[in-house]
Amino acid sequence: MKLKTLLLGSATAFAVVGGAQAADLSVAEPVEFVKVCDAFGTGYWYIPGTDTCLAIHGYVQFDASAGKWSLSPEQALCLTDPNGPVDMPGAYNIVEATFHALGHTSENFQSGGGMEWGEHHPCLFEGTERFFRAAYNSSLIGAWLPALDGVVEKLQSGAKVADVGCGHGASTIIMAEAFPNSQFFGFDYHEASIERAREAAEEAGVADSITFEVASAKDYPGEGYDLVCVFDCLHDMGDPVGASAHVLETLDADGTWMIVEPFANDHVEENLNPVGRVFYGASTVICTPASLAQEVGLALGAQAGEARLTEVLKEGGFTRVKRATETPFNLILEARP
């Protein structure tokens, strides 16, 4: 990669993050930046430079004859709606976190060491919630859960659900809103994330349906769960086999474990595509170091694939594992005792 391309791409990433964080501005019609500055304050004098950077990479359009900037409907969908099906500024928060971790990452490459999730800059936790919540908004209730045998019916009548590795609780809250008769328990070993999850549940009005606790995947409490979920985190665990064994212990005899992982085929050459490129990069600087920093340090990585994941689940004691459904970005497995 040319240095100029790297620097311009990095500048664009930070421009997207900064623009998204500056204010909640949604403009349907093309606008002149001076009018925006007048309306929203002196901070908006950064807009000319920011928008030029974004326009170069196609994030916004500039109409030279009118001197105005605008977003297409597709760009607005990706860049301005944190509750929509795509939230690209969240992805750039994740990119930002890798810059904060650069020194530690360089040391890891030399030592083979790891980096705990909690050692990262908070922008990683915020960005992960935003970016992955978009997929949960678009697919969790309408596609992923219905792909599991008999699970939606249980949730509608009233089920006991554990969301392990819940982070800020986005997936837990979405399920609680959709299935008010069920009781949800969210677990994460990162205390700051659990604190934020509790706040988010209060804000969403579902705090009575959810209990958030600090606990790891190998020691979270409870038993008789009708459904256990892990969203995009099994590969981050140091001991996913041990976690699988604990899930089996806490699951009802007729219960279901839903495993959502980044999409990957089983062979490297099948993942040499734009999606695989992103996931391999994230895995190298975030996911694999997180696993290596924990006990066992299996380091599955974000491109483990169905065959390797199935091996892990069966080593943990599960006898029935199948692919329930998939998206271009996610692989959804269903495991039963």
Protein backbone atom coordinates (compact mmCIF):
# COMPACT_ATOMS: atom_id res chain seq x y z
CA MET A 1 0.00 0.00 0.00
CA LYS A 2 1.34 3.45 -0.91
CA LEU A 3 1.99 5.77 2.03
CA LYS A 4 -0.20 8.50 0.47
CA THR A 5 -3.12 6.06 0.20
CA LEU A 6 -2.67 4.93 3.80
CA LEU A 7 -2.52 8.46 5.16
CA LEU A 8 -5.50 9.67 3.13
CA GLY A 9 -7.53 6.62 4.12
CA SER A 10 -6.66 7.14 7.78
CA ALA A 11 -7.58 10.82 7.58
CA THR A 12 -10.89 9.90 6.01
CA ALA A 13 -11.59 7.38 8.77
CA PHE A 14 -11.00 9.97 11.45
CA ALA A 15 -13.06 12.53 9.55
CA VAL A 16 -16.02 10.14 9.50
CA VAL A 17 -15.63 9.48 13.24
CA GLY A 18 -15.26 13.16 14.05
CA GLY A 19 -18.16 14.16 11.86
CA ALA A 20 -20.39 11.50 13.40
CA GLN A 21 -19.50 12.53 16.93
CA ALA A 22 -19.69 16.28 16.40
CA ALA A 23 -23.48 16.48 16.43
CA ASP A 24 -26.63 14.67 15.37
CA LEU A 25 -27.14 16.59 12.16
CA SER A 26 -29.49 15.13 9.56
CA VAL A 27 -29.94 17.19 6.41
CA ALA A 28 -32.20 15.93 3.66
CA GLU A 29 -31.42 18.69 1.18
CA PRO A 30 -28.01 19.92 -0.01
CA VAL A 31 -26.57 22.59 2.30
CA GLU A 32 -23.95 25.31 2.26
CA PHE A 33 -21.40 24.86 5.04
CA VAL A 34 -21.55 28.53 6.08
CA LYS A 35 -25.26 28.21 6.86
CA VAL A 36 -24.55 25.06 8.87
CA CYS A 37 -21.83 26.90 10.80
CA ASP A 38 -24.20 29.74 11.63
CA ALA A 39 -26.85 27.31 12.85
CA PHE A 40 -24.70 24.91 14.85
CA GLY A 41 -21.77 26.92 16.18
CA THR A 42 -18.10 27.59 15.60
CA GLY A 43 -17.11 23.90 15.65
CA TYR A 44 -18.68 23.56 12.26
CA TRP A 45 -15.95 25.61 10.62
CA TYR A 46 -14.16 22.26 10.43
CA ILE A 47 -16.78 21.07 7.94
CA PRO A 48 -15.11 22.39 4.74
CA GLY A 49 -11.95 20.36 5.33
CA THR A 50 -13.85 17.35 6.60
CA ASP A 51 -16.30 17.30 3.73
CA THR A 52 -13.53 17.67 1.17
CA CYS A 53 -11.82 14.62 2.62
CA LEU A 54 -15.08 12.67 2.63
CA ALA A 55 -15.99 13.74 -0.89
CA ILE A 56 -12.67 12.48 -2.23
CA HIS A 57 -13.62 9.00 -1.05
CA GLY A 58 -17.26 9.20 -2.13
CA TYR A 59 -18.91 9.53 1.29
CA VAL A 60 -20.65 12.79 0.27
CA GLN A 61 -21.30 14.62 -2.99
CA PHE A 62 -20.30 18.18 -3.85
CA ASP A 63 -22.26 20.20 -6.39
CA ALA A 64 -19.73 22.78 -7.61
CA SER A 65 -22.34 24.83 -9.51
CA ALA A 66 -24.44 25.29 -6.36
CA GLY A 67 -21.59 25.16 -3.85
CA LYS A 68 -23.50 22.61 -1.79
CA TRP A 69 -22.86 19.23 -0.17
CA SER A 70 -25.32 16.34 0.01
CA LEU A 71 -25.77 12.69 0.91
CA SER A 72 -27.46 10.13 -1.30
CA PRO A 73 -30.18 8.00 0.37
CA GLU A 74 -27.73 5.10 0.47
CA GLN A 75 -25.03 7.20 2.13
CA ALA A 76 -27.52 8.60 4.64
CA LEU A 77 -28.62 5.06 5.51
CA CYS A 78 -25.05 4.02 6.28
CA LEU A 79 -23.77 7.20 7.92
CA THR A 80 -26.58 9.00 9.76
CA ASP A 81 -28.86 6.42 11.40
CA PRO A 82 -27.31 4.62 14.42
CA ASN A 83 -30.45 2.50 14.74
CA GLY A 84 -30.58 1.41 11.11
CA PRO A 85 -29.33 -1.73 9.35
CA VAL A 86 -25.83 -0.28 8.77
CA ASP A 87 -23.79 2.02 11.02
CA MET A 88 -20.47 2.77 9.36
CA PRO A 89 -19.27 5.39 11.88
CA GLY A 90 -19.23 2.57 14.41
CA ALA A 91 -16.84 0.66 12.18
CA TYR A 92 -14.53 3.67 12.06
CA ASN A 93 -14.54 3.81 15.87
CA ILE A 94 -13.12 0.28 15.73
CA VAL A 95 -10.47 1.45 13.25
CA GLU A 96 -9.66 4.34 15.59
CA ALA A 97 -9.09 1.86 18.43
CA THR A 98 -6.42 0.04 16.44
CA PHE A 99 -4.42 3.26 16.23
CA HIS A 100 -4.60 3.66 20.00
CA ALA A 101 -3.32 0.09 20.38
CA LEU A 102 -0.53 0.38 17.82
CA GLY A 103 2.34 0.30 20.32
CA HIS A 104 0.95 -2.76 22.10
CA THR A 105 0.27 -4.44 18.75
CA SER A 106 3.89 -3.92 17.68
CA GLU A 107 5.08 -5.53 20.91
CA ASN A 108 2.73 -8.48 20.37
CA PHE A 109 4.16 -9.15 16.93
CA GLN A 110 7.61 -9.44 18.49
CA SER A 111 6.69 -11.31 21.67
CA GLY A 112 3.67 -13.39 20.65
CA GLY A 113 1.78 -11.87 23.57
CA GLY A 114 -1.82 -10.73 23.75
CA MET A 115 -3.98 -7.75 24.67
CA GLU A 116 -7.06 -8.04 26.86
CA TRP A 117 -10.32 -6.59 25.62
CA GLY A 118 -10.40 -4.20 28.58
CA GLU A 119 -6.95 -2.83 27.73
CA HIS A 120 -8.27 -1.17 24.58
CA HIS A 121 -9.40 2.44 24.26
CA PRO A 122 -13.14 2.87 25.07
CA CYS A 123 -13.84 3.80 21.45
CA LEU A 124 -13.51 0.08 20.65
CA PHE A 125 -16.38 -0.83 22.98
CA GLU A 126 -18.57 1.97 21.65
CA GLY A 127 -17.75 1.21 18.03
CA THR A 128 -18.35 -2.52 18.46
CA GLU A 129 -21.77 -1.88 19.95
CA ARG A 130 -22.75 0.49 17.15
CA PHE A 131 -21.41 -1.57 14.25
CA PHE A 132 -22.73 -4.95 15.39
CA ARG A 133 -26.04 -3.59 16.71
CA ALA A 134 -26.91 -2.66 13.12
CA ALA A 135 -26.75 -6.33 12.09
CA TYR A 136 -28.81 -7.32 15.12
CA ASN A 137 -31.40 -4.65 14.23
CA SER A 138 -31.79 -6.01 10.73
CA SER A 139 -31.48 -9.78 11.26
CA LEU A 140 -31.72 -11.02 14.84
CA ILE A 141 -35.49 -11.02 15.35
CA GLY A 142 -36.62 -11.45 11.77
CA ALA A 143 -34.10 -14.01 10.47
CA TRP A 144 -31.65 -15.54 12.93
CA LEU A 145 -33.96 -16.59 15.76
CA PRO A 146 -36.65 -17.95 13.38
CA ALA A 147 -33.94 -20.13 11.80
CA LEU A 148 -33.57 -22.03 15.09
CA ASP A 149 -35.88 -25.01 15.66
CA GLY A 150 -38.75 -24.06 18.00
CA VAL A 151 -36.95 -21.17 19.67
CA VAL A 152 -39.27 -18.31 18.69
CA GLU A 153 -42.27 -20.18 20.11
CA LYS A 154 -40.46 -20.59 23.43
CA LEU A 155 -39.52 -16.93 23.51
CA GLN A 156 -43.08 -15.86 22.80
CA SER A 157 -44.51 -17.98 25.60
CA GLY A 158 -41.75 -17.16 28.06
CA ALA A 159 -38.17 -18.47 28.01
CA LYS A 160 -35.04 -18.13 30.12
CA VAL A 161 -32.22 -16.68 27.98
CA ALA A 162 -28.51 -16.08 28.60
CA ASP A 163 -26.58 -13.67 26.39
CA VAL A 164 -22.92 -14.50 27.06
CA GLY A 165 -20.33 -11.90 26.13
CA CYS A 166 -23.11 -9.33 25.83
CA GLY A 167 -20.89 -6.23 25.84
CA HIS A 168 -23.06 -3.11 26.05
CA GLY A 169 -26.17 -5.28 25.87
CA ALA A 170 -27.42 -4.33 22.40
CA SER A 171 -28.42 -7.87 21.43
CA THR A 172 -29.96 -8.56 24.85
CA ILE A 173 -32.07 -5.42 24.73
CA ILE A 174 -33.30 -6.09 21.18
CA MET A 175 -34.49 -9.55 22.23
CA ALA A 176 -36.09 -8.25 25.42
CA GLU A 177 -38.03 -5.64 23.45
CA ALA A 178 -39.29 -8.28 21.02
CA PHE A 179 -40.19 -10.96 23.59
CA PRO A 180 -41.62 -9.33 26.75
CA ASN A 181 -42.72 -12.68 28.24
CA SER A 182 -39.16 -13.96 28.45
CA GLN A 183 -36.46 -13.27 31.04
CA PHE A 184 -32.96 -12.34 29.88
CA PHE A 185 -29.57 -12.53 31.58
CA GLY A 186 -26.59 -10.73 30.07
CA PHE A 187 -23.04 -11.66 31.08
CA ASP A 188 -19.68 -10.12 30.25
CA TYR A 189 -16.33 -10.19 32.01
CA HIS A 190 -15.73 -6.51 31.22
CA GLU A 191 -17.20 -4.53 34.11
CA ALA A 192 -17.42 -1.19 32.28
CA SER A 193 -19.47 -2.82 29.52
CA ILE A 194 -21.92 -4.29 32.03
CA GLU A 195 -22.36 -0.89 33.64
CA ARG A 196 -23.18 0.61 30.25
CA ALA A 197 -25.54 -2.30 29.46
CA ARG A 198 -27.53 -1.61 32.63
CA GLU A 199 -27.85 2.05 31.66
CA ALA A 200 -28.95 1.12 28.14
CA ALA A 201 -31.61 -1.27 29.48
CA GLU A 202 -33.02 1.52 31.65
CA GLU A 203 -33.04 3.89 28.68
CA ALA A 204 -34.85 1.30 26.56
CA GLY A 205 -37.44 0.60 29.26
CA VAL A 206 -36.63 -3.14 29.55
CA ALA A 207 -34.59 -3.18 32.78
CA ASP A 208 -37.27 -5.31 34.49
CA SER A 209 -36.75 -8.05 31.90
CA ILE A 210 -32.95 -8.15 31.97
CA THR A 211 -30.33 -8.90 34.60
CA PHE A 212 -26.80 -7.88 33.67
CA GLU A 213 -23.90 -9.37 35.63
CA VAL A 214 -20.12 -9.42 35.44
CA ALA A 215 -19.14 -13.01 34.65
CA SER A 216 -17.05 -14.91 32.15
CA ALA A 217 -18.22 -17.51 29.65
CA LYS A 218 -16.79 -20.26 31.85
CA ASP A 219 -18.40 -19.27 35.15
CA TYR A 220 -21.61 -17.32 34.52
CA PRO A 221 -24.38 -18.39 36.94
CA GLY A 222 -27.72 -20.08 36.37
CA GLU A 223 -29.09 -23.25 34.86
CA GLY A 224 -32.03 -24.45 32.81
CA TYR A 225 -31.59 -21.84 30.09
CA ASP A 226 -33.88 -22.40 27.12
CA LEU A 227 -31.57 -20.37 24.92
CA VAL A 228 -27.95 -19.34 25.27
CA CYS A 229 -26.52 -16.84 22.78
CA VAL A 230 -22.98 -15.75 21.99
CA PHE A 231 -22.73 -12.91 19.48
CA ASP A 232 -19.44 -12.39 17.67
CA CYS A 233 -17.30 -13.33 20.67
CA LEU A 234 -16.62 -17.09 20.84
CA HIS A 235 -13.48 -16.64 18.74
CA ASP A 236 -12.24 -13.93 21.17
CA MET A 237 -12.25 -16.32 24.12
CA GLY A 238 -9.07 -17.88 25.40
CA ASP A 239 -10.78 -21.20 26.10
CA PRO A 240 -13.82 -21.57 23.83
CA VAL A 241 -13.88 -25.33 24.50
CA GLY A 242 -14.20 -24.66 28.23
CA ALA A 243 -16.87 -22.07 27.50
CA SER A 244 -18.75 -24.64 25.40
CA ALA A 245 -18.66 -27.13 28.24
CA HIS A 246 -20.07 -24.54 30.65
CA VAL A 247 -22.85 -23.60 28.24
CA LEU A 248 -23.79 -27.28 28.06
CA GLU A 249 -23.93 -27.47 31.87
CA THR A 250 -26.25 -24.46 32.12
CA LEU A 251 -28.51 -25.32 29.19
CA ASP A 252 -31.88 -27.01 29.59
CA ALA A 253 -32.00 -30.59 28.25
CA ASP A 254 -34.15 -29.31 25.37
CA GLY A 255 -32.32 -26.00 25.11
CA THR A 256 -30.55 -24.34 22.19
CA TRP A 257 -27.22 -22.59 21.88
CA MET A 258 -27.04 -19.96 19.12
CA ILE A 259 -23.51 -19.05 18.04
CA VAL A 260 -23.15 -15.98 15.84
CA GLU A 261 -19.67 -15.59 14.36
CA PRO A 262 -18.10 -13.53 11.57
CA PHE A 263 -18.73 -15.28 8.27
CA ALA A 264 -15.85 -17.41 7.04
CA ASN A 265 -15.36 -20.39 4.79
CA ASP A 266 -13.21 -23.27 5.99
CA HIS A 267 -10.13 -22.62 3.85
CA VAL A 268 -7.96 -19.52 3.63
CA GLU A 269 -8.14 -19.32 -0.15
CA GLU A 270 -11.96 -19.15 0.08
CA ASN A 271 -11.76 -16.07 2.31
CA LEU A 272 -9.51 -13.95 0.11
CA ASN A 273 -12.22 -11.41 -0.65
CA PRO A 274 -13.22 -7.95 0.64
CA VAL A 275 -15.13 -9.34 3.65
CA GLY A 276 -12.35 -11.72 4.59
CA ARG A 277 -9.81 -8.94 4.23
CA VAL A 278 -11.62 -6.84 6.82
CA PHE A 279 -12.13 -9.73 9.23
CA TYR A 280 -8.55 -11.00 8.98
CA GLY A 281 -7.30 -7.49 9.70
CA ALA A 282 -9.56 -7.05 12.74
CA SER A 283 -8.68 -10.53 13.94
CA THR A 284 -4.96 -9.80 13.84
CA VAL A 285 -5.09 -6.65 15.95
CA ILE A 286 -8.15 -7.23 18.19
CA CYS A 287 -9.57 -10.76 18.31
CA THR A 288 -6.48 -12.97 18.34
CA PRO A 289 -4.61 -10.82 20.91
CA ALA A 290 -7.70 -10.94 23.16
CA SER A 291 -7.65 -14.74 23.10
CA LEU A 292 -3.89 -14.96 23.61
CA ALA A 293 -4.14 -12.77 26.71
CA GLN A 294 -6.45 -15.30 28.43
CA GLU A 295 -5.93 -18.80 29.77
CA VAL A 296 -5.40 -21.50 27.13
CA GLY A 297 -5.19 -18.85 24.38
CA LEU A 298 -6.63 -21.01 21.61
CA ALA A 299 -6.70 -18.01 19.24
CA LEU A 300 -9.45 -19.16 16.89
CA GLY A 301 -9.48 -15.79 15.16
CA ALA A 302 -12.37 -14.14 13.36
CA GLN A 303 -12.08 -16.43 10.33
CA ALA A 304 -12.33 -19.81 12.03
CA GLY A 305 -15.01 -21.21 9.72
CA GLU A 306 -17.83 -23.65 10.35
CA ALA A 307 -15.74 -26.83 10.47
CA ARG A 308 -13.31 -25.50 13.11
CA LEU A 309 -16.11 -23.98 15.17
CA THR A 310 -18.02 -27.26 15.07
CA GLU A 311 -14.92 -29.07 16.38
CA VAL A 312 -14.77 -26.68 19.33
CA LEU A 313 -18.47 -27.09 20.15
CA LYS A 314 -18.27 -30.88 20.01
CA GLU A 315 -15.11 -30.91 22.14
CA GLY A 316 -17.20 -29.04 24.70
CA GLY A 317 -19.78 -31.85 24.67
CA PHE A 318 -22.40 -30.80 22.12
CA THR A 319 -23.52 -33.60 19.84
CA ARG A 320 -25.70 -31.75 17.31
CA VAL A 321 -24.35 -28.74 15.45
CA LYS A 322 -25.68 -27.26 12.23
CA ARG A 323 -25.59 -24.05 10.22
CA ALA A 324 -28.93 -22.39 10.88
CA THR A 325 -28.51 -19.48 8.49
CA GLU A 326 -25.98 -16.95 7.26
CA THR A 327 -25.47 -13.46 5.89
CA PRO A 328 -22.51 -12.13 3.91
CA PHE A 329 -21.05 -11.03 7.24
CA ASN A 330 -22.30 -13.58 9.79
CA LEU A 331 -22.41 -17.33 10.27
CA ILE A 332 -25.17 -18.55 12.61
CA LEU A 333 -24.76 -22.00 14.13
CA GLU A 334 -27.29 -23.94 16.20
CA ALA A 335 -25.94 -26.38 18.81
CA ARG A 336 -27.92 -28.79 20.97
CA PRO A 337 -26.94 -31.31 23.65
